[in-house]
Amino acid sequence: MQKPTLVVPIRPPSRGACARAPLPAVYGLAWAQRAGRACVICGQPLTTGAVSRGWIYGKHGAHRLDVEVWCCPKTEDP
């Protein structure tokens, strides 16, 4: 007879962590992150309740790469 295995559910990281994480450089962002359609930190698609994280500034020669970025809602696990 086999020993029963212990199954521990894996909790995804708290989505509120995205609101506290430091902002990345503008150069490494994906199109969806630059367009405000995905979280700037984790890359998950955004729906309602997205939180503005402000602006990331950058430039490439004479071209400004400034972009307003958004992150996941501030929901903390109890």
Protein backbone atom coordinates (compact mmCIF):
# COMPACT_ATOMS: atom_id res chain seq x y z
CA MET A 1 0.00 0.00 0.00
CA GLN A 2 1.32 3.44 -0.93
CA LYS A 3 1.74 6.19 1.58
CA PRO A 4 -0.63 9.09 1.00
CA THR A 5 1.09 12.10 -0.46
CA LEU A 6 0.64 15.49 1.03
CA VAL A 7 -0.82 17.92 -1.48
CA VAL A 8 -0.11 21.55 -0.69
CA PRO A 9 -1.93 24.08 -2.82
CA ILE A 10 0.38 26.59 -4.44
CA ARG A 11 -0.76 30.15 -3.93
CA PRO A 12 0.03 32.56 -6.72
CA PRO A 13 1.96 35.65 -5.66
CA SER A 14 -0.16 38.41 -4.23
CA ARG A 15 -1.32 40.73 -6.97
CA GLY A 16 -0.90 43.63 -4.54
CA ALA A 17 2.84 43.04 -4.79
CA CYS A 18 2.81 44.62 -8.25
CA ALA A 19 1.80 47.95 -6.72
CA ARG A 20 4.88 47.89 -4.45
CA ALA A 21 7.53 46.62 -6.86
CA PRO A 22 10.07 49.03 -8.34
CA LEU A 23 9.39 50.16 -11.89
CA PRO A 24 11.50 48.64 -14.69
CA ALA A 25 13.30 50.59 -17.39
CA VAL A 26 11.22 51.66 -20.37
CA TYR A 27 13.48 49.80 -22.81
CA GLY A 28 12.48 46.28 -21.73
CA LEU A 29 8.69 46.71 -21.78
CA ALA A 30 6.47 44.66 -24.08
CA TRP A 31 4.00 46.40 -26.37
CA ALA A 32 1.02 45.50 -24.15
CA GLN A 33 2.78 46.96 -21.09
CA ARG A 34 3.63 50.19 -22.92
CA ALA A 35 0.03 50.47 -24.18
CA GLY A 36 -1.43 50.00 -20.69
CA ARG A 37 -3.06 46.68 -21.53
CA ALA A 38 -0.82 44.55 -19.31
CA CYS A 39 0.65 44.96 -15.83
CA VAL A 40 4.02 46.69 -15.99
CA ILE A 41 5.43 44.31 -13.34
CA CYS A 42 4.00 40.83 -13.97
CA GLY A 43 2.71 41.19 -17.55
CA GLN A 44 -0.80 39.86 -16.80
CA PRO A 45 -3.61 41.36 -18.88
CA LEU A 46 -5.38 44.22 -17.08
CA THR A 47 -9.13 44.52 -16.76
CA THR A 48 -11.05 46.66 -14.28
CA GLY A 49 -9.40 48.19 -11.26
CA ALA A 50 -5.96 48.76 -12.77
CA VAL A 51 -3.77 51.15 -10.77
CA SER A 52 -1.68 53.86 -12.41
CA ARG A 53 1.98 53.58 -11.38
CA GLY A 54 2.95 56.87 -13.00
CA TRP A 55 5.34 57.56 -15.85
CA ILE A 56 8.58 55.92 -16.90
CA TYR A 57 10.87 58.30 -18.75
CA GLY A 58 13.41 57.43 -21.38
CA LYS A 59 14.77 58.52 -24.70
CA HIS A 60 16.60 57.06 -27.66
CA GLY A 61 18.57 59.78 -29.39
CA ALA A 62 16.09 62.54 -30.20
CA HIS A 63 13.06 60.30 -29.62
CA ARG A 64 11.23 60.44 -26.30
CA LEU A 65 10.08 57.05 -24.99
CA ASP A 66 8.02 58.33 -22.04
CA VAL A 67 5.12 56.03 -21.20
CA GLU A 68 2.41 55.92 -18.54
CA VAL A 69 2.34 52.49 -16.91
CA TRP A 70 -0.34 50.55 -15.04
CA CYS A 71 -0.31 47.59 -12.65
CA CYS A 72 -2.62 45.00 -11.13
CA PRO A 73 -5.23 46.13 -8.59
CA LYS A 74 -4.16 46.48 -4.96
CA THR A 75 -5.79 43.32 -3.63
CA GLU A 76 -4.06 41.69 -0.68
CA ASP A 77 -4.71 38.15 0.48
CA PRO A 78 -6.18 37.98 4.00
